[in-house]
């Protein structure tokens, strides 16, 4: 059986290491800087999903980066004064910060309620109404992309403009069977740019287009396109509640997170002071 490329590559490295250096290492290493070694076992987990040339490229790149780090570390040791090399305070601060951060994340995971009611969303929206403006044009509409080969294609043209329940039902039944794409978002706000991607013709003046078109019909060599615009809002206007709700929910949840952490820190501080585990000596 042929050995994978990276195994052959490592075999050569191991042989070279044995010839050039004493047999002081108990396992193969892939790079050396003076007396420091980078052993294969240190990166074995990262090689599991790599094969052939990919594994060789990864090993070479990793070894080169490791050597650069070792060289720079020695230069730092040689050129920094003692005070600059004393990083124990920095390390301790980083450790403390990381430990607190991890505890915060675990505490939030255990105590955060991510359920947001519609009432909460509406109250937040009303309170922060002037913070939510549209950054793009949006519409409520009906979009149909119909293959030219579909039977009775004139059926769509006849009924897609109608608001009569019977006509809408007939159109729905027909499109579910024959349309290539059939999206009814007359009760939901969506980006007009997203809808425009499905149209064969580029609409450069979106605002003017939306103000002057309610029923849009286009065609190319393969499809007929029908767009019925029920409502639209222009970039810069206040975002309607239904469209802003997706942005409001993360804001509410983030506010809850901050409140949870603030309550945690306050209660922990009060408990420690009351139990005489902590004290402030300044008067």
Protein backbone atom coordinates (compact mmCIF):
# COMPACT_ATOMS: atom_id res chain seq x y z
CA UNK A 1 0.00 0.00 0.00
CA UNK A 2 1.31 3.44 -0.90
CA UNK A 3 2.02 5.66 2.11
CA UNK A 4 0.29 9.09 2.30
CA UNK A 5 2.52 11.98 1.21
CA UNK A 6 2.83 13.52 4.64
CA UNK A 7 4.00 10.23 6.17
CA UNK A 8 6.78 9.95 3.57
CA UNK A 9 7.68 13.58 4.20
CA UNK A 10 7.90 13.01 7.93
CA UNK A 11 9.91 9.84 7.43
CA UNK A 12 12.56 11.85 5.60
CA UNK A 13 12.57 14.43 8.38
CA UNK A 14 13.00 11.76 11.02
CA UNK A 15 15.92 10.16 9.19
CA UNK A 16 17.63 13.51 8.75
CA UNK A 17 17.13 14.32 12.39
CA UNK A 18 18.73 11.04 13.40
CA UNK A 19 21.80 11.73 11.26
CA UNK A 20 22.37 15.35 12.14
CA UNK A 21 21.51 15.30 15.82
CA UNK A 22 22.04 12.83 18.61
CA UNK A 23 19.27 10.41 19.38
CA UNK A 24 18.12 12.49 22.29
CA UNK A 25 14.49 12.84 21.22
CA UNK A 26 12.14 10.00 22.00
CA UNK A 27 9.70 11.05 19.31
CA UNK A 28 10.09 12.68 15.87
CA UNK A 29 10.29 16.44 15.62
CA UNK A 30 9.64 18.56 12.55
CA UNK A 31 11.54 21.74 13.42
CA UNK A 32 14.35 22.87 15.71
CA UNK A 33 15.62 26.18 16.98
CA UNK A 34 18.79 25.67 18.95
CA UNK A 35 17.77 23.36 21.79
CA UNK A 36 14.03 23.76 21.30
CA UNK A 37 12.04 21.20 19.32
CA UNK A 38 8.63 21.17 17.67
CA UNK A 39 7.37 17.59 17.89
CA UNK A 40 4.99 15.88 15.53
CA UNK A 41 2.71 14.92 18.40
CA UNK A 42 2.05 18.61 19.10
CA UNK A 43 0.21 19.02 15.80
CA UNK A 44 -1.04 15.48 15.17
CA UNK A 45 -4.64 16.43 15.96
CA UNK A 46 -4.58 19.12 13.27
CA UNK A 47 -3.36 16.64 10.66
CA UNK A 48 -6.23 14.20 11.02
CA UNK A 49 -8.34 15.68 8.21
CA UNK A 50 -5.44 16.52 5.91
CA UNK A 51 -4.01 14.32 3.19
CA UNK A 52 -1.08 14.32 0.77
CA UNK A 53 0.10 17.72 -0.40
CA UNK A 54 -2.26 19.52 1.99
CA UNK A 55 -0.61 17.91 5.01
CA UNK A 56 2.89 18.74 3.76
CA UNK A 57 1.91 22.36 3.11
CA UNK A 58 0.36 22.63 6.57
CA UNK A 59 3.41 21.11 8.32
CA UNK A 60 5.85 23.39 6.49
CA UNK A 61 3.75 26.47 7.24
CA UNK A 62 3.28 25.54 10.89
CA UNK A 63 7.01 24.82 11.31
CA UNK A 64 7.96 28.14 9.72
CA UNK A 65 5.57 30.08 11.97
CA UNK A 66 6.88 28.22 15.04
CA UNK A 67 10.48 29.08 14.14
CA UNK A 68 9.63 32.76 13.67
CA UNK A 69 7.97 32.80 17.09
CA UNK A 70 10.95 31.12 18.77
CA UNK A 71 13.42 33.49 17.12
CA UNK A 72 11.45 36.59 18.08
CA UNK A 73 11.01 35.28 21.62
CA UNK A 74 14.75 34.98 22.01
CA UNK A 75 15.28 38.45 20.59
CA UNK A 76 12.79 39.78 23.12
CA UNK A 77 14.60 38.00 25.92
CA UNK A 78 17.90 39.52 24.80
CA UNK A 79 16.72 43.08 24.23
CA UNK A 80 14.11 43.80 26.90
CA UNK A 81 15.15 45.00 30.31
CA UNK A 82 14.15 43.01 33.39
CA UNK A 83 11.17 45.18 34.18
CA UNK A 84 9.82 44.79 30.67
CA UNK A 85 10.22 41.02 30.76
CA UNK A 86 8.29 40.66 34.00
CA UNK A 87 4.86 39.85 32.60
CA UNK A 88 3.54 38.01 35.63
CA UNK A 89 1.12 40.85 36.41
CA UNK A 90 -0.12 40.93 32.82
CA UNK A 91 -0.54 37.15 32.77
CA UNK A 92 -2.45 37.18 36.06
CA UNK A 93 -4.70 39.99 34.86
CA UNK A 94 -5.41 38.15 31.61
CA UNK A 95 -6.16 34.94 33.51
CA UNK A 96 -8.54 36.72 35.87
CA UNK A 97 -10.29 38.48 33.01
CA UNK A 98 -10.67 35.23 31.07
CA UNK A 99 -11.97 33.33 34.10
CA UNK A 100 -14.55 36.02 34.84
CA UNK A 101 -15.60 36.12 31.20
CA UNK A 102 -16.13 32.35 31.11
CA UNK A 103 -18.11 32.48 34.36
CA UNK A 104 -20.25 35.28 32.94
CA UNK A 105 -21.01 33.21 29.84
CA UNK A 106 -21.95 30.16 31.90
CA UNK A 107 -24.08 32.21 34.31
CA UNK A 108 -25.90 33.83 31.37
CA UNK A 109 -26.47 30.42 29.78
CA UNK A 110 -28.12 29.20 32.98
CA UNK A 111 -30.24 32.27 33.72
CA UNK A 112 -31.05 34.03 30.43
CA UNK A 113 -34.60 33.80 29.11
CA UNK A 114 -34.48 34.29 25.33
CA UNK A 115 -38.25 34.34 24.88
CA UNK A 116 -39.46 37.78 23.80
CA UNK A 117 -43.19 38.44 23.60
CA UNK A 118 -44.81 40.59 20.94
CA UNK A 119 -45.87 43.03 23.64
CA UNK A 120 -42.25 43.50 24.71
CA UNK A 121 -41.23 44.04 21.10
CA UNK A 122 -43.96 46.63 20.55
CA UNK A 123 -43.18 48.48 23.78
CA UNK A 124 -39.48 48.64 22.91
CA UNK A 125 -40.34 49.78 19.38
CA UNK A 126 -42.54 52.61 20.64
CA UNK A 127 -39.93 53.71 23.17
CA UNK A 128 -37.09 53.67 20.62
CA UNK A 129 -39.17 54.64 17.57
CA UNK A 130 -36.72 57.30 16.37
CA UNK A 131 -33.82 54.85 16.40
CA UNK A 132 -35.15 52.64 13.62
CA UNK A 133 -34.90 53.99 10.10
CA UNK A 134 -34.77 52.02 6.88
CA UNK A 135 -31.38 51.54 5.27
CA UNK A 136 -32.97 50.14 2.10
CA UNK A 137 -36.25 50.12 0.22
CA UNK A 138 -38.74 47.47 1.34
CA UNK A 139 -41.97 46.08 -0.06
CA UNK A 140 -44.95 43.84 0.60
CA UNK A 141 -45.73 41.98 -2.58
CA UNK A 142 -46.63 38.87 -4.56
CA UNK A 143 -43.94 37.44 -6.83
CA UNK A 144 -44.38 34.73 -9.47
CA UNK A 145 -41.74 33.25 -11.75
CA UNK A 146 -43.49 31.07 -14.31
CA UNK A 147 -41.81 28.85 -16.94
CA UNK A 148 -42.79 29.71 -20.49
CA UNK A 149 -43.64 26.04 -20.92
CA UNK A 150 -46.29 26.14 -18.17
CA UNK A 151 -49.86 25.42 -19.38
CA UNK A 152 -52.28 28.34 -19.66
CA UNK A 153 -49.71 30.97 -18.72
CA UNK A 154 -52.34 33.65 -19.37
CA UNK A 155 -54.07 32.34 -16.23
CA UNK A 156 -51.57 34.16 -14.01
CA UNK A 157 -51.91 37.42 -15.88
CA UNK A 158 -55.66 37.22 -15.49
CA UNK A 159 -55.74 36.62 -11.74
CA UNK A 160 -52.55 37.97 -10.08
CA UNK A 161 -53.94 41.53 -9.99
CA UNK A 162 -57.21 40.52 -8.35
CA UNK A 163 -58.03 40.93 -4.68
CA UNK A 164 -61.09 38.66 -4.77
CA UNK A 165 -60.69 35.65 -2.43
CA UNK A 166 -61.87 33.20 -5.12
CA UNK A 167 -59.37 34.55 -7.65
CA UNK A 168 -56.56 34.43 -5.09
CA UNK A 169 -57.41 30.82 -4.30
CA UNK A 170 -57.38 29.86 -7.99
CA UNK A 171 -54.06 31.61 -8.48
CA UNK A 172 -52.59 29.91 -5.43
CA UNK A 173 -53.63 26.46 -6.65
CA UNK A 174 -52.26 27.10 -10.13
CA UNK A 175 -48.92 28.53 -8.98
CA UNK A 176 -48.30 25.75 -6.46
CA UNK A 177 -48.50 23.30 -9.37
CA UNK A 178 -46.83 25.23 -12.16
CA UNK A 179 -44.70 28.15 -10.92
CA UNK A 180 -40.93 27.89 -10.68
CA UNK A 181 -40.99 30.43 -7.83
CA UNK A 182 -44.08 31.61 -5.99
CA UNK A 183 -43.64 33.95 -3.01
CA UNK A 184 -46.59 35.59 -1.31
CA UNK A 185 -45.28 38.16 1.17
CA UNK A 186 -48.14 40.63 1.02
CA UNK A 187 -48.27 40.61 4.82
CA UNK A 188 -44.51 40.68 5.39
CA UNK A 189 -41.91 43.34 4.67
CA UNK A 190 -38.88 42.25 2.65
CA UNK A 191 -35.96 44.02 1.01
CA UNK A 192 -36.76 45.15 -2.52
CA UNK A 193 -33.16 44.43 -3.52
CA UNK A 194 -33.70 40.79 -2.56
CA UNK A 195 -36.74 40.56 -4.84
CA UNK A 196 -34.99 42.42 -7.64
CA UNK A 197 -32.35 39.66 -7.84
CA UNK A 198 -35.01 37.38 -9.32
CA UNK A 199 -36.07 39.84 -12.02
CA UNK A 200 -34.40 39.69 -15.46
CA UNK A 201 -34.03 43.47 -15.82
CA UNK A 202 -31.93 45.68 -13.55
CA UNK A 203 -33.86 48.43 -11.78
CA UNK A 204 -31.43 51.26 -11.10
CA UNK A 205 -33.89 53.91 -9.87
CA UNK A 206 -35.67 51.91 -7.19
CA UNK A 207 -37.51 54.78 -5.53
CA UNK A 208 -39.02 56.08 -8.76
CA UNK A 209 -39.84 52.51 -9.84
CA UNK A 210 -41.72 51.77 -6.61
CA UNK A 211 -43.66 55.04 -6.76
CA UNK A 212 -44.80 54.48 -10.34
CA UNK A 213 -45.36 50.71 -10.53
CA UNK A 214 -47.85 48.47 -8.79
CA UNK A 215 -48.06 45.63 -11.29
CA UNK A 216 -44.85 44.54 -12.98
CA UNK A 217 -44.55 42.05 -15.83
CA UNK A 218 -41.25 40.97 -17.38
CA UNK A 219 -40.00 38.08 -19.49
CA UNK A 220 -36.88 36.43 -20.78
CA UNK A 221 -36.27 33.39 -22.95
CA UNK A 222 -37.23 30.93 -20.21
CA UNK A 223 -39.67 32.61 -17.80
CA UNK A 224 -42.48 35.08 -17.31
CA UNK A 225 -42.18 37.30 -14.20
CA UNK A 226 -45.09 38.86 -12.31
CA UNK A 227 -44.72 41.23 -9.36
CA UNK A 228 -47.69 42.75 -7.55
CA UNK A 229 -46.59 45.45 -5.09
CA UNK A 230 -49.08 45.86 -2.25
CA UNK A 231 -47.10 48.44 -0.26
CA UNK A 232 -43.63 49.96 -0.15
CA UNK A 233 -41.45 52.13 2.05
CA UNK A 234 -38.45 54.14 0.94
CA UNK A 235 -34.95 54.18 2.42
CA UNK A 236 -34.71 56.77 5.20
CA UNK A 237 -38.30 56.38 6.40
CA UNK A 238 -39.15 54.95 9.82
CA UNK A 239 -38.90 51.17 9.75
CA UNK A 240 -42.30 49.52 10.28
CA UNK A 241 -42.63 47.41 13.40
CA UNK A 242 -42.74 44.08 11.57
CA UNK A 243 -39.47 44.86 9.79
CA UNK A 244 -37.74 46.30 12.87
CA UNK A 245 -38.77 43.38 15.11
CA UNK A 246 -35.85 41.26 13.91
CA UNK A 247 -33.47 43.99 15.07
CA UNK A 248 -35.32 44.69 18.31
CA UNK A 249 -35.22 41.15 19.71
CA UNK A 250 -31.37 41.00 19.91
CA UNK A 251 -31.38 44.43 21.59
CA UNK A 252 -33.84 43.23 24.26
CA UNK A 253 -31.86 40.03 24.87
CA UNK A 254 -28.60 41.97 25.12
CA UNK A 255 -30.23 44.31 27.65
CA UNK A 256 -31.28 41.27 29.70
CA UNK A 257 -27.71 39.95 29.61
CA UNK A 258 -26.37 43.24 30.96
CA UNK A 259 -28.99 43.30 33.71
CA UNK A 260 -28.22 39.69 34.71
CA UNK A 261 -24.49 40.43 35.00
CA UNK A 262 -25.09 43.69 36.86
CA UNK A 263 -27.37 41.92 39.37
CA UNK A 264 -24.83 39.11 39.74
CA UNK A 265 -21.98 41.48 40.54
CA UNK A 266 -24.10 43.59 42.90
CA UNK A 267 -25.51 40.65 44.87
CA UNK A 268 -22.12 38.93 45.08
CA UNK A 269 -20.53 42.16 46.35
CA UNK A 270 -23.25 42.75 48.94
CA UNK A 271 -23.04 39.15 50.19
CA UNK A 272 -19.26 39.32 50.56
CA UNK A 273 -19.46 42.59 52.48
CA UNK A 274 -22.25 41.34 54.78
CA UNK A 275 -20.38 38.10 55.49
CA UNK A 276 -17.24 40.07 56.38
CA UNK A 277 -15.36 38.33 53.56
CA UNK A 278 -14.64 41.71 52.00
CA UNK A 279 -14.07 45.18 53.32
CA UNK A 280 -12.97 48.63 52.19
CA UNK A 281 -10.48 50.18 54.56
CA UNK A 282 -10.70 53.76 53.34
CA UNK A 283 -12.78 56.07 55.51
